[in-house]
Amino acid sequence: MNGLEGLYLEDLEIGQSASYGKTVTETDIVMFAGLSGDTNPVHLNEDYAKTTMFEGRIAHGMLSAGFISTVLGTRLPGPGTIYLSQNLQFKAPVRIGDTVTAKVIVREIIPAKKRAILETNCYVGDRCVISGEAVVMVPSRA
């Protein structure tokens, strides 16, 4: 890949996978709040967050879910991929300093529609913090 083109539909195989990892910082959370407008104090105010079930600040779930988009748009299938749908289940909180690894696995290829169904999970260590499934449109050589 030259950075401008990803894999073609014909290059995909069931079980193929790729991942992306990022350590979540204070700056990431503040910037995400500014960009998204989600200023829920559970993300930004430690005193408030200590009174919640989380007992401290947590990162926005969609910040971690965004790392799935990184994999889809840059690695698997990569540039040229069009996101069609995504479902997510948030299973555990992510905190400042946690390294989140988004992993995408090809589960089904639908050649007639130029689509792929992908398992999309995020982990902190061995703990799954987000599980989901995405449908993407993938460029074809045909």
Protein backbone atom coordinates (compact mmCIF):
# COMPACT_ATOMS: atom_id res chain seq x y z
CA MET A 1 0.00 0.00 0.00
CA ASN A 2 1.22 3.48 -0.81
CA GLY A 3 -0.81 5.26 1.88
CA LEU A 4 -3.45 6.33 -0.60
CA GLU A 5 -4.90 2.93 -1.44
CA GLY A 6 -6.03 0.18 0.86
CA LEU A 7 -6.75 -3.43 0.21
CA TYR A 8 -9.21 -4.40 -2.49
CA LEU A 9 -12.18 -6.62 -1.75
CA GLU A 10 -10.36 -9.41 -3.61
CA ASP A 11 -7.44 -9.13 -1.14
CA LEU A 12 -9.58 -9.80 1.91
CA GLU A 13 -9.70 -13.21 3.60
CA ILE A 14 -11.87 -14.49 6.42
CA GLY A 15 -9.90 -14.21 9.66
CA GLN A 16 -7.59 -11.47 8.39
CA SER A 17 -6.94 -8.92 11.12
CA ALA A 18 -5.27 -5.62 11.95
CA SER A 19 -5.01 -3.45 15.03
CA TYR A 20 -4.14 0.01 16.32
CA GLY A 21 -3.15 0.97 19.85
CA LYS A 22 -3.12 4.33 21.62
CA THR A 23 -2.59 5.40 25.21
CA VAL A 24 -5.42 7.73 26.25
CA THR A 25 -4.21 11.02 27.72
CA GLU A 26 -5.79 13.91 29.59
CA THR A 27 -5.32 15.98 26.43
CA ASP A 28 -7.17 13.39 24.33
CA ILE A 29 -10.18 13.55 26.65
CA VAL A 30 -10.26 17.35 26.81
CA MET A 31 -9.85 17.67 23.04
CA PHE A 32 -12.56 15.05 22.39
CA ALA A 33 -14.91 16.95 24.73
CA GLY A 34 -14.19 20.14 22.80
CA LEU A 35 -14.65 18.54 19.38
CA SER A 36 -17.74 16.52 20.23
CA GLY A 37 -19.39 18.90 22.68
CA ASP A 38 -19.72 16.03 25.19
CA THR A 39 -18.74 17.78 28.41
CA ASN A 40 -20.30 15.20 30.74
CA PRO A 41 -18.50 15.77 34.06
CA VAL A 42 -17.76 12.04 34.41
CA HIS A 43 -15.11 12.72 31.74
CA LEU A 44 -13.84 16.09 32.90
CA ASN A 45 -14.42 16.62 36.63
CA GLU A 46 -12.63 14.29 39.05
CA ASP A 47 -14.63 15.44 42.10
CA TYR A 48 -17.90 14.69 40.33
CA ALA A 49 -16.62 11.44 38.78
CA LYS A 50 -15.59 10.12 42.22
CA THR A 51 -19.29 10.17 43.21
CA THR A 52 -20.28 7.90 40.31
CA MET A 53 -20.16 4.13 39.96
CA PHE A 54 -16.80 4.58 38.18
CA GLU A 55 -15.19 6.23 41.25
CA GLY A 56 -13.14 8.49 38.99
CA ARG A 57 -12.92 9.99 35.54
CA ILE A 58 -13.38 7.85 32.47
CA ALA A 59 -12.71 8.48 28.80
CA HIS A 60 -15.58 9.00 26.39
CA GLY A 61 -16.68 5.66 24.96
CA MET A 62 -16.74 7.13 21.47
CA LEU A 63 -13.12 8.24 21.83
CA SER A 64 -12.06 4.62 22.18
CA ALA A 65 -14.54 3.54 19.48
CA GLY A 66 -12.85 6.05 17.17
CA PHE A 67 -9.76 3.84 17.19
CA ILE A 68 -11.82 1.26 15.27
CA SER A 69 -12.24 3.86 12.53
CA THR A 70 -8.46 4.28 12.52
CA VAL A 71 -8.00 0.60 11.72
CA LEU A 72 -10.70 0.61 9.03
CA GLY A 73 -9.45 3.76 7.32
CA THR A 74 -5.72 3.14 7.51
CA ARG A 75 -5.03 -0.60 7.86
CA LEU A 76 -7.86 -3.04 7.16
CA PRO A 77 -9.24 -2.65 4.61
CA GLY A 78 -7.52 0.78 4.60
CA PRO A 79 -7.84 3.91 2.46
CA GLY A 80 -10.89 3.86 0.20
CA THR A 81 -13.02 1.95 2.74
CA ILE A 82 -16.47 3.42 3.37
CA TYR A 83 -18.07 2.87 6.78
CA LEU A 84 -21.71 1.79 6.36
CA SER A 85 -22.71 0.73 9.86
CA GLN A 86 -21.34 -0.05 13.29
CA ASN A 87 -22.82 -1.52 16.44
CA LEU A 88 -21.04 -1.21 19.77
CA GLN A 89 -21.35 -2.60 23.26
CA PHE A 90 -19.44 -0.71 25.92
CA LYS A 91 -18.26 -3.33 28.41
CA ALA A 92 -15.80 -1.55 30.72
CA PRO A 93 -14.50 1.98 31.30
CA VAL A 94 -11.28 3.36 29.88
CA ARG A 95 -9.24 5.67 32.07
CA ILE A 96 -6.47 8.19 31.50
CA GLY A 97 -3.24 6.23 30.98
CA ASP A 98 -4.94 3.11 29.63
CA THR A 99 -3.65 1.83 26.30
CA VAL A 100 -6.59 0.92 24.09
CA THR A 101 -6.00 -1.51 21.24
CA ALA A 102 -8.66 -1.67 18.53
CA LYS A 103 -8.68 -4.97 16.67
CA VAL A 104 -10.63 -5.66 13.47
CA ILE A 105 -11.18 -9.16 12.06
CA VAL A 106 -12.77 -10.00 8.70
CA ARG A 107 -15.80 -12.23 9.40
CA GLU A 108 -17.69 -12.21 6.09
CA ILE A 109 -17.11 -11.00 2.54
CA ILE A 110 -20.07 -10.15 0.30
CA PRO A 111 -18.61 -9.82 -3.23
CA ALA A 112 -21.90 -8.97 -4.98
CA LYS A 113 -22.31 -5.87 -2.80
CA LYS A 114 -18.57 -5.10 -2.42
CA ARG A 115 -18.99 -5.28 1.35
CA ALA A 116 -17.31 -6.89 4.30
CA ILE A 117 -18.59 -7.61 7.78
CA LEU A 118 -15.94 -7.10 10.43
CA GLU A 119 -15.67 -7.94 14.11
CA THR A 120 -14.56 -4.75 15.87
CA ASN A 121 -13.28 -4.95 19.45
CA CYS A 122 -11.26 -2.69 21.72
CA TYR A 123 -9.10 -3.98 24.54
CA VAL A 124 -7.20 -2.62 27.51
CA GLY A 125 -4.71 -5.39 28.08
CA ASP A 126 -6.70 -8.64 27.84
CA ARG A 127 -9.97 -6.99 28.92
CA CYS A 128 -12.49 -6.27 26.16
CA VAL A 129 -13.84 -2.75 26.74
CA ILE A 130 -15.87 -2.45 23.52
CA SER A 131 -17.25 -5.18 21.28
CA GLY A 132 -19.02 -4.67 18.01
CA GLU A 133 -19.49 -5.34 14.35
CA ALA A 134 -19.03 -3.07 11.35
CA VAL A 135 -20.19 -3.26 7.75
CA VAL A 136 -17.95 -1.54 5.23
CA MET A 137 -17.88 -1.01 1.49
CA VAL A 138 -14.53 -2.01 0.04
CA PRO A 139 -13.12 -0.94 -3.34
CA SER A 140 -12.93 -3.75 -5.89
CA ARG A 141 -10.55 -4.30 -8.79
CA ALA A 142 -13.53 -5.45 -10.89
